[in-house]
Amino acid sequence: MAAAAPVRVYGPPFSSAVSRVLACLLEKDVPFQLQPVNMAKGEHKKPDYLKIQPFGQVPAFQDESITLFESRAISRYVCEKYSTKGNKGLYGTNPLEKASIDQWLEGEGQNFNPPSSVLVFQLAFAPRMKIKQDESLIKQNKAKLAKVLDVYEKRLGESRYLAGEEFTLADLSHIPNTHYLVNVCERDELFASRENVERWWGEISSRESWRKVVDMQKSPPRG
């Protein structure tokens, strides 16, 4: 019986959404191929790509005949389909664990991601793209993110990780934007000024899966 073909992830590893999926695949020990998408050349808006990602964004994902988009949905799918591989508890092993993970995943998507994404764009990507930074937007979203991190500080004083005592998708989903904020945007004080958040960030950012993603981000694209 022939081995199944590796899943395919379309998009550049420096994208927060793409790197979220890559970290999940590495945690689950699922073989994958990273397919480069040159967004500067508009490859994400071409008809062939729009067949697998109708909104023209990254990542897109293929597993044999299945195509998916949206990084959190892809990550859940990977955890469910490959439940016996790699980190078996990444998306929980019973309904209560999954619900706890989902509530913090939703919290990340609805509360943490909006202000952190604005800050990452304004502080990390706008200068590279020669776009003028909006200082009022930076100040406003820094304040929003601080309020979210206050909630996390309390929660992480009660448990080692957001959804309990084990590292899960809830924690993993926060890594890409936080990596930029701490290492590129020089906003590490938002995390270092909160003891429990700082401890949590130190643990989740040092995982082997994420270190591999960072190495991929440093490597020049192939193909």
C-alpha atoms as a PDB file:
ATOM      1  CA  MET A   1       0.000   0.000   0.000  1.00  0.00           C
ATOM      2  CA  ALA A   2       1.486   3.310  -1.108  1.00  0.00           C
ATOM      3  CA  ALA A   3       2.075   5.983   1.486  1.00  0.00           C
ATOM      4  CA  ALA A   4      -0.302   8.918   1.382  1.00  0.00           C
ATOM      5  CA  ALA A   5       1.009  12.025  -0.336  1.00  0.00           C
ATOM      6  CA  PRO A   6       2.085  14.842   1.989  1.00  0.00           C
ATOM      7  CA  VAL A   7      -0.492  17.551   2.571  1.00  0.00           C
ATOM      8  CA  ARG A   8       0.198  20.857   0.856  1.00  0.00           C
ATOM      9  CA  VAL A   9       0.228  24.296   2.445  1.00  0.00           C
ATOM     10  CA  TYR A  10       0.154  27.287   0.111  1.00  0.00           C
ATOM     11  CA  GLY A  11       1.667  30.561   1.227  1.00  0.00           C
ATOM     12  CA  PRO A  12       4.808  32.196   2.615  1.00  0.00           C
ATOM     13  CA  PRO A  13       5.969  31.038   6.075  1.00  0.00           C
ATOM     14  CA  PHE A  14       6.324  34.640   7.278  1.00  0.00           C
ATOM     15  CA  SER A  15       2.518  34.971   7.120  1.00  0.00           C
ATOM     16  CA  SER A  16       1.053  34.616  10.613  1.00  0.00           C
ATOM     17  CA  ALA A  17      -1.802  32.473   9.320  1.00  0.00           C
ATOM     18  CA  VAL A  18       0.496  30.200   7.303  1.00  0.00           C
ATOM     19  CA  SER A  19       2.919  29.784  10.190  1.00  0.00           C
ATOM     20  CA  ARG A  20       0.013  28.820  12.472  1.00  0.00           C
ATOM     21  CA  VAL A  21      -0.779  25.877  10.177  1.00  0.00           C
ATOM     22  CA  LEU A  22       2.886  24.908   9.836  1.00  0.00           C
ATOM     23  CA  ALA A  23       3.343  24.809  13.606  1.00  0.00           C
ATOM     24  CA  CYS A  24       0.249  22.625  13.930  1.00  0.00           C
ATOM     25  CA  LEU A  25       1.487  20.181  11.289  1.00  0.00           C
ATOM     26  CA  LEU A  26       4.868  19.972  13.000  1.00  0.00           C
ATOM     27  CA  GLU A  27       3.238  19.372  16.398  1.00  0.00           C
ATOM     28  CA  LYS A  28       1.172  16.582  14.848  1.00  0.00           C
ATOM     29  CA  ASP A  29       4.135  15.130  12.950  1.00  0.00           C
ATOM     30  CA  VAL A  30       2.210  15.269   9.667  1.00  0.00           C
ATOM     31  CA  PRO A  31       4.396  15.395   6.521  1.00  0.00           C
ATOM     32  CA  PHE A  32       3.727  18.447   4.360  1.00  0.00           C
ATOM     33  CA  GLN A  33       4.944  20.356   1.348  1.00  0.00           C
ATOM     34  CA  LEU A  34       5.073  24.139   1.521  1.00  0.00           C
ATOM     35  CA  GLN A  35       4.023  25.601  -1.808  1.00  0.00           C
ATOM     36  CA  PRO A  36       5.350  29.133  -2.342  1.00  0.00           C
ATOM     37  CA  VAL A  37       2.867  31.847  -3.243  1.00  0.00           C
ATOM     38  CA  ASN A  38       4.452  35.107  -4.379  1.00  0.00           C
ATOM     39  CA  MET A  39       1.981  37.653  -3.060  1.00  0.00           C
ATOM     40  CA  ALA A  40       4.063  40.568  -4.324  1.00  0.00           C
ATOM     41  CA  LYS A  41       3.420  39.275  -7.844  1.00  0.00           C
ATOM     42  CA  GLY A  42      -0.265  38.730  -7.130  1.00  0.00           C
ATOM     43  CA  GLU A  43      -0.147  34.945  -7.383  1.00  0.00           C
ATOM     44  CA  HIS A  44      -2.767  34.699  -4.630  1.00  0.00           C
ATOM     45  CA  LYS A  45      -5.288  36.447  -6.910  1.00  0.00           C
ATOM     46  CA  LYS A  46      -4.818  34.235  -9.974  1.00  0.00           C
ATOM     47  CA  PRO A  47      -7.680  31.956 -11.130  1.00  0.00           C
ATOM     48  CA  ASP A  48      -5.907  28.669 -10.341  1.00  0.00           C
ATOM     49  CA  TYR A  49      -5.218  29.781  -6.778  1.00  0.00           C
ATOM     50  CA  LEU A  50      -8.730  31.165  -6.301  1.00  0.00           C
ATOM     51  CA  LYS A  51     -10.075  27.668  -6.984  1.00  0.00           C
ATOM     52  CA  ILE A  52      -8.629  26.523  -3.648  1.00  0.00           C
ATOM     53  CA  GLN A  53      -8.811  29.846  -1.751  1.00  0.00           C
ATOM     54  CA  PRO A  54     -11.783  31.839  -3.067  1.00  0.00           C
ATOM     55  CA  PHE A  55     -10.916  34.941  -1.036  1.00  0.00           C
ATOM     56  CA  GLY A  56      -7.412  35.152  -2.489  1.00  0.00           C
ATOM     57  CA  GLN A  57      -5.658  34.952   0.864  1.00  0.00           C
ATOM     58  CA  VAL A  58      -3.167  32.597   2.490  1.00  0.00           C
ATOM     59  CA  PRO A  59      -3.003  29.871   3.514  1.00  0.00           C
ATOM     60  CA  ALA A  60      -4.731  27.395   1.272  1.00  0.00           C
ATOM     61  CA  PHE A  61      -4.515  23.720   2.140  1.00  0.00           C
ATOM     62  CA  GLN A  62      -4.830  20.471   0.208  1.00  0.00           C
ATOM     63  CA  ASP A  63      -5.052  16.934   1.583  1.00  0.00           C
ATOM     64  CA  GLU A  64      -5.477  14.615  -1.398  1.00  0.00           C
ATOM     65  CA  SER A  65      -8.863  15.670  -2.876  1.00  0.00           C
ATOM     66  CA  ILE A  66      -9.768  17.951   0.056  1.00  0.00           C
ATOM     67  CA  THR A  67      -9.153  21.691  -0.046  1.00  0.00           C
ATOM     68  CA  LEU A  68      -9.532  24.035   2.929  1.00  0.00           C
ATOM     69  CA  PHE A  69      -8.806  27.629   3.855  1.00  0.00           C
ATOM     70  CA  GLU A  70      -8.659  29.636   7.119  1.00  0.00           C
ATOM     71  CA  SER A  71      -5.791  28.666   9.381  1.00  0.00           C
ATOM     72  CA  ARG A  72      -7.789  27.799  12.517  1.00  0.00           C
ATOM     73  CA  ALA A  73     -10.184  25.550  10.580  1.00  0.00           C
ATOM     74  CA  ILE A  74      -7.229  23.852   8.889  1.00  0.00           C
ATOM     75  CA  SER A  75      -5.558  23.311  12.267  1.00  0.00           C
ATOM     76  CA  ARG A  76      -8.695  21.737  13.742  1.00  0.00           C
ATOM     77  CA  TYR A  77      -9.007  19.456  10.716  1.00  0.00           C
ATOM     78  CA  VAL A  78      -5.387  18.347  11.000  1.00  0.00           C
ATOM     79  CA  CYS A  79      -5.829  17.551  14.696  1.00  0.00           C
ATOM     80  CA  GLU A  80      -9.014  15.576  14.094  1.00  0.00           C
ATOM     81  CA  LYS A  81      -7.887  13.608  11.032  1.00  0.00           C
ATOM     82  CA  TYR A  82      -4.445  12.837  12.415  1.00  0.00           C
ATOM     83  CA  SER A  83      -5.568  12.393  16.010  1.00  0.00           C
ATOM     84  CA  THR A  84      -3.242   9.448  16.655  1.00  0.00           C
ATOM     85  CA  LYS A  85      -0.113  11.194  15.373  1.00  0.00           C
ATOM     86  CA  GLY A  86       2.321  13.507  17.138  1.00  0.00           C
ATOM     87  CA  ASN A  87       0.905  15.624  19.964  1.00  0.00           C
ATOM     88  CA  LYS A  88      -2.302  13.665  20.602  1.00  0.00           C
ATOM     89  CA  GLY A  89      -3.747  16.199  23.040  1.00  0.00           C
ATOM     90  CA  LEU A  90      -3.252  19.271  20.844  1.00  0.00           C
ATOM     91  CA  TYR A  91      -7.006  19.573  20.282  1.00  0.00           C
ATOM     92  CA  GLY A  92      -8.135  17.651  23.364  1.00  0.00           C
ATOM     93  CA  THR A  93      -9.281  14.070  23.783  1.00  0.00           C
ATOM     94  CA  ASN A  94     -12.836  14.541  25.068  1.00  0.00           C
ATOM     95  CA  PRO A  95     -15.725  17.007  24.554  1.00  0.00           C
ATOM     96  CA  LEU A  96     -14.925  19.132  27.613  1.00  0.00           C
ATOM     97  CA  GLU A  97     -11.273  19.528  26.655  1.00  0.00           C
ATOM     98  CA  LYS A  98     -12.241  20.468  23.114  1.00  0.00           C
ATOM     99  CA  ALA A  99     -14.773  23.017  24.372  1.00  0.00           C
ATOM    100  CA  SER A 100     -12.172  24.597  26.649  1.00  0.00           C
ATOM    101  CA  ILE A 101      -9.685  24.779  23.782  1.00  0.00           C
ATOM    102  CA  ASP A 102     -12.349  26.171  21.438  1.00  0.00           C
ATOM    103  CA  GLN A 103     -13.371  28.941  23.816  1.00  0.00           C
ATOM    104  CA  TRP A 104      -9.781  30.205  24.009  1.00  0.00           C
ATOM    105  CA  LEU A 105      -9.313  29.735  20.280  1.00  0.00           C
ATOM    106  CA  GLU A 106     -12.385  31.909  19.768  1.00  0.00           C
ATOM    107  CA  GLY A 107     -10.962  34.365  22.272  1.00  0.00           C
ATOM    108  CA  GLU A 108      -7.765  34.501  20.248  1.00  0.00           C
ATOM    109  CA  GLY A 109      -9.619  34.999  16.979  1.00  0.00           C
ATOM    110  CA  GLN A 110     -12.068  37.610  18.273  1.00  0.00           C
ATOM    111  CA  ASN A 111     -10.134  39.450  20.987  1.00  0.00           C
ATOM    112  CA  PHE A 112      -6.377  38.891  20.646  1.00  0.00           C
ATOM    113  CA  ASN A 113      -5.982  38.691  16.876  1.00  0.00           C
ATOM    114  CA  PRO A 114      -7.667  41.975  15.845  1.00  0.00           C
ATOM    115  CA  PRO A 115      -5.459  44.374  17.854  1.00  0.00           C
ATOM    116  CA  SER A 116      -2.319  42.254  17.550  1.00  0.00           C
ATOM    117  CA  SER A 117      -2.716  41.997  13.760  1.00  0.00           C
ATOM    118  CA  VAL A 118      -3.065  45.771  13.459  1.00  0.00           C
ATOM    119  CA  LEU A 119       0.077  46.248  15.529  1.00  0.00           C
ATOM    120  CA  VAL A 120       2.032  43.656  13.539  1.00  0.00           C
ATOM    121  CA  PHE A 121       1.058  45.313  10.266  1.00  0.00           C
ATOM    122  CA  GLN A 122       1.717  48.850  11.468  1.00  0.00           C
ATOM    123  CA  LEU A 123       4.989  48.082  13.234  1.00  0.00           C
ATOM    124  CA  ALA A 124       6.501  45.248  11.191  1.00  0.00           C
ATOM    125  CA  PHE A 125       5.106  45.340   7.670  1.00  0.00           C
ATOM    126  CA  ALA A 126       4.159  48.970   6.972  1.00  0.00           C
ATOM    127  CA  PRO A 127       7.800  50.148   7.165  1.00  0.00           C
ATOM    128  CA  ARG A 128       8.884  47.405   4.736  1.00  0.00           C
ATOM    129  CA  MET A 129       6.099  48.383   2.363  1.00  0.00           C
ATOM    130  CA  LYS A 130       6.952  52.091   2.634  1.00  0.00           C
ATOM    131  CA  ILE A 131       3.548  52.794   4.167  1.00  0.00           C
ATOM    132  CA  LYS A 132       3.262  55.587   6.730  1.00  0.00           C
ATOM    133  CA  GLN A 133       2.537  54.296  10.215  1.00  0.00           C
ATOM    134  CA  ASP A 134      -0.664  55.444  11.917  1.00  0.00           C
ATOM    135  CA  GLU A 135       0.393  56.397  15.439  1.00  0.00           C
ATOM    136  CA  SER A 136      -3.169  56.807  16.703  1.00  0.00           C
ATOM    137  CA  LEU A 137      -4.047  53.327  15.439  1.00  0.00           C
ATOM    138  CA  ILE A 138      -0.964  51.901  17.132  1.00  0.00           C
ATOM    139  CA  LYS A 139      -1.838  53.561  20.437  1.00  0.00           C
ATOM    140  CA  GLN A 140      -5.493  52.486  20.257  1.00  0.00           C
ATOM    141  CA  ASN A 141      -4.702  48.830  19.513  1.00  0.00           C
ATOM    142  CA  LYS A 142      -1.919  48.645  22.062  1.00  0.00           C
ATOM    143  CA  ALA A 143      -4.489  49.629  24.697  1.00  0.00           C
ATOM    144  CA  LYS A 144      -6.950  47.016  23.384  1.00  0.00           C
ATOM    145  CA  LEU A 145      -4.300  44.308  23.464  1.00  0.00           C
ATOM    146  CA  ALA A 146      -3.257  45.266  26.986  1.00  0.00           C
ATOM    147  CA  LYS A 147      -6.808  44.621  28.196  1.00  0.00           C
ATOM    148  CA  VAL A 148      -6.809  41.188  26.570  1.00  0.00           C
ATOM    149  CA  LEU A 149      -3.473  40.348  28.151  1.00  0.00           C
ATOM    150  CA  ASP A 150      -4.842  41.354  31.547  1.00  0.00           C
ATOM    151  CA  VAL A 151      -7.461  38.624  31.120  1.00  0.00           C
ATOM    152  CA  TYR A 152      -4.739  36.178  30.099  1.00  0.00           C
ATOM    153  CA  GLU A 153      -2.616  37.140  33.095  1.00  0.00           C
ATOM    154  CA  LYS A 154      -5.421  36.161  35.440  1.00  0.00           C
ATOM    155  CA  ARG A 155      -6.166  32.944  33.578  1.00  0.00           C
ATOM    156  CA  LEU A 156      -2.504  31.917  33.423  1.00  0.00           C
ATOM    157  CA  GLY A 157      -2.261  32.407  37.153  1.00  0.00           C
ATOM    158  CA  GLU A 158      -4.855  29.630  37.475  1.00  0.00           C
ATOM    159  CA  SER A 159      -3.477  27.162  34.898  1.00  0.00           C
ATOM    160  CA  ARG A 160      -0.199  26.577  33.108  1.00  0.00           C
ATOM    161  CA  TYR A 161      -1.736  27.100  29.676  1.00  0.00           C
ATOM    162  CA  LEU A 162      -4.892  28.810  28.466  1.00  0.00           C
ATOM    163  CA  ALA A 163      -7.064  25.688  28.182  1.00  0.00           C
ATOM    164  CA  GLY A 164      -5.560  23.806  31.120  1.00  0.00           C
ATOM    165  CA  GLU A 165      -2.316  22.156  32.144  1.00  0.00           C
ATOM    166  CA  GLU A 166      -1.272  21.031  28.656  1.00  0.00           C
ATOM    167  CA  PHE A 167      -0.140  22.948  25.568  1.00  0.00           C
ATOM    168  CA  THR A 168      -2.953  23.007  22.978  1.00  0.00           C
ATOM    169  CA  LEU A 169      -4.126  24.720  19.810  1.00  0.00           C
ATOM    170  CA  ALA A 170      -5.398  27.532  22.032  1.00  0.00           C
ATOM    171  CA  ASP A 171      -1.817  28.439  22.913  1.00  0.00           C
ATOM    172  CA  LEU A 172      -0.330  27.622  19.510  1.00  0.00           C
ATOM    173  CA  SER A 173      -2.695  30.006  17.740  1.00  0.00           C
ATOM    174  CA  HIS A 174      -1.240  32.950  19.668  1.00  0.00           C
ATOM    175  CA  ILE A 175       2.392  32.289  18.747  1.00  0.00           C
ATOM    176  CA  PRO A 176       2.706  33.854  15.256  1.00  0.00           C
ATOM    177  CA  ASN A 177       1.525  37.387  16.075  1.00  0.00           C
ATOM    178  CA  THR A 178       3.184  37.387  19.477  1.00  0.00           C
ATOM    179  CA  HIS A 179       6.462  36.367  17.846  1.00  0.00           C
ATOM    180  CA  TYR A 180       6.325  39.464  15.666  1.00  0.00           C
ATOM    181  CA  LEU A 181       5.301  41.750  18.517  1.00  0.00           C
ATOM    182  CA  VAL A 182       8.118  40.559  20.778  1.00  0.00           C
ATOM    183  CA  ASN A 183      10.932  40.030  18.276  1.00  0.00           C
ATOM    184  CA  VAL A 184      10.262  42.477  15.449  1.00  0.00           C
ATOM    185  CA  CYS A 185       7.928  45.178  16.743  1.00  0.00           C
ATOM    186  CA  GLU A 186       9.753  45.729  20.052  1.00  0.00           C
ATOM    187  CA  ARG A 187       6.531  45.450  22.009  1.00  0.00           C
ATOM    188  CA  ASP A 188       7.833  42.786  24.378  1.00  0.00           C
ATOM    189  CA  GLU A 189       6.946  44.960  27.372  1.00  0.00           C
ATOM    190  CA  LEU A 190       3.282  44.091  26.816  1.00  0.00           C
ATOM    191  CA  PHE A 191       4.145  40.490  27.663  1.00  0.00           C
ATOM    192  CA  ALA A 192       7.169  40.863  29.965  1.00  0.00           C
ATOM    193  CA  SER A 193       5.279  43.223  32.283  1.00  0.00           C
ATOM    194  CA  ARG A 194       2.833  40.437  33.127  1.00  0.00           C
ATOM    195  CA  GLU A 195       4.505  37.649  35.093  1.00  0.00           C
ATOM    196  CA  ASN A 196       2.212  34.799  34.094  1.00  0.00           C
ATOM    197  CA  VAL A 197       1.990  35.889  30.463  1.00  0.00           C
ATOM    198  CA  GLU A 198       5.775  36.177  30.286  1.00  0.00           C
ATOM    199  CA  ARG A 199       6.224  32.668  31.698  1.00  0.00           C
ATOM    200  CA  TRP A 200       3.618  31.299  29.266  1.00  0.00           C
ATOM    201  CA  TRP A 201       5.207  33.020  26.274  1.00  0.00           C
ATOM    202  CA  GLY A 202       8.626  31.669  27.209  1.00  0.00           C
ATOM    203  CA  GLU A 203       7.237  28.138  27.246  1.00  0.00           C
ATOM    204  CA  ILE A 204       5.174  28.191  24.069  1.00  0.00           C
ATOM    205  CA  SER A 205       7.714  30.080  21.962  1.00  0.00           C
ATOM    206  CA  SER A 206      10.498  27.642  22.816  1.00  0.00           C
ATOM    207  CA  ARG A 207       8.685  24.580  21.492  1.00  0.00           C
ATOM    208  CA  GLU A 208      10.589  22.668  18.830  1.00  0.00           C
ATOM    209  CA  SER A 209       7.707  23.014  16.361  1.00  0.00           C
ATOM    210  CA  TRP A 210       7.856  26.806  16.495  1.00  0.00           C
ATOM    211  CA  ARG A 211      11.651  26.910  16.323  1.00  0.00           C
ATOM    212  CA  LYS A 212      11.377  24.962  13.066  1.00  0.00           C
ATOM    213  CA  VAL A 213       8.849  27.474  11.707  1.00  0.00           C
ATOM    214  CA  VAL A 214      11.186  30.352  12.576  1.00  0.00           C
ATOM    215  CA  ASP A 215      13.976  28.576  10.688  1.00  0.00           C
ATOM    216  CA  MET A 216      11.653  28.263   7.691  1.00  0.00           C
ATOM    217  CA  GLN A 217      10.926  31.981   7.860  1.00  0.00           C
ATOM    218  CA  LYS A 218      14.656  32.706   7.684  1.00  0.00           C
ATOM    219  CA  SER A 219      15.220  30.467   4.666  1.00  0.00           C
ATOM    220  CA  PRO A 220      14.810  31.914   1.150  1.00  0.00           C
ATOM    221  CA  PRO A 221      11.698  30.663  -0.656  1.00  0.00           C
ATOM    222  CA  ARG A 222      12.125  27.798  -3.095  1.00  0.00           C
ATOM    223  CA  GLY A 223      10.376  27.222  -6.376  1.00  0.00           C
END
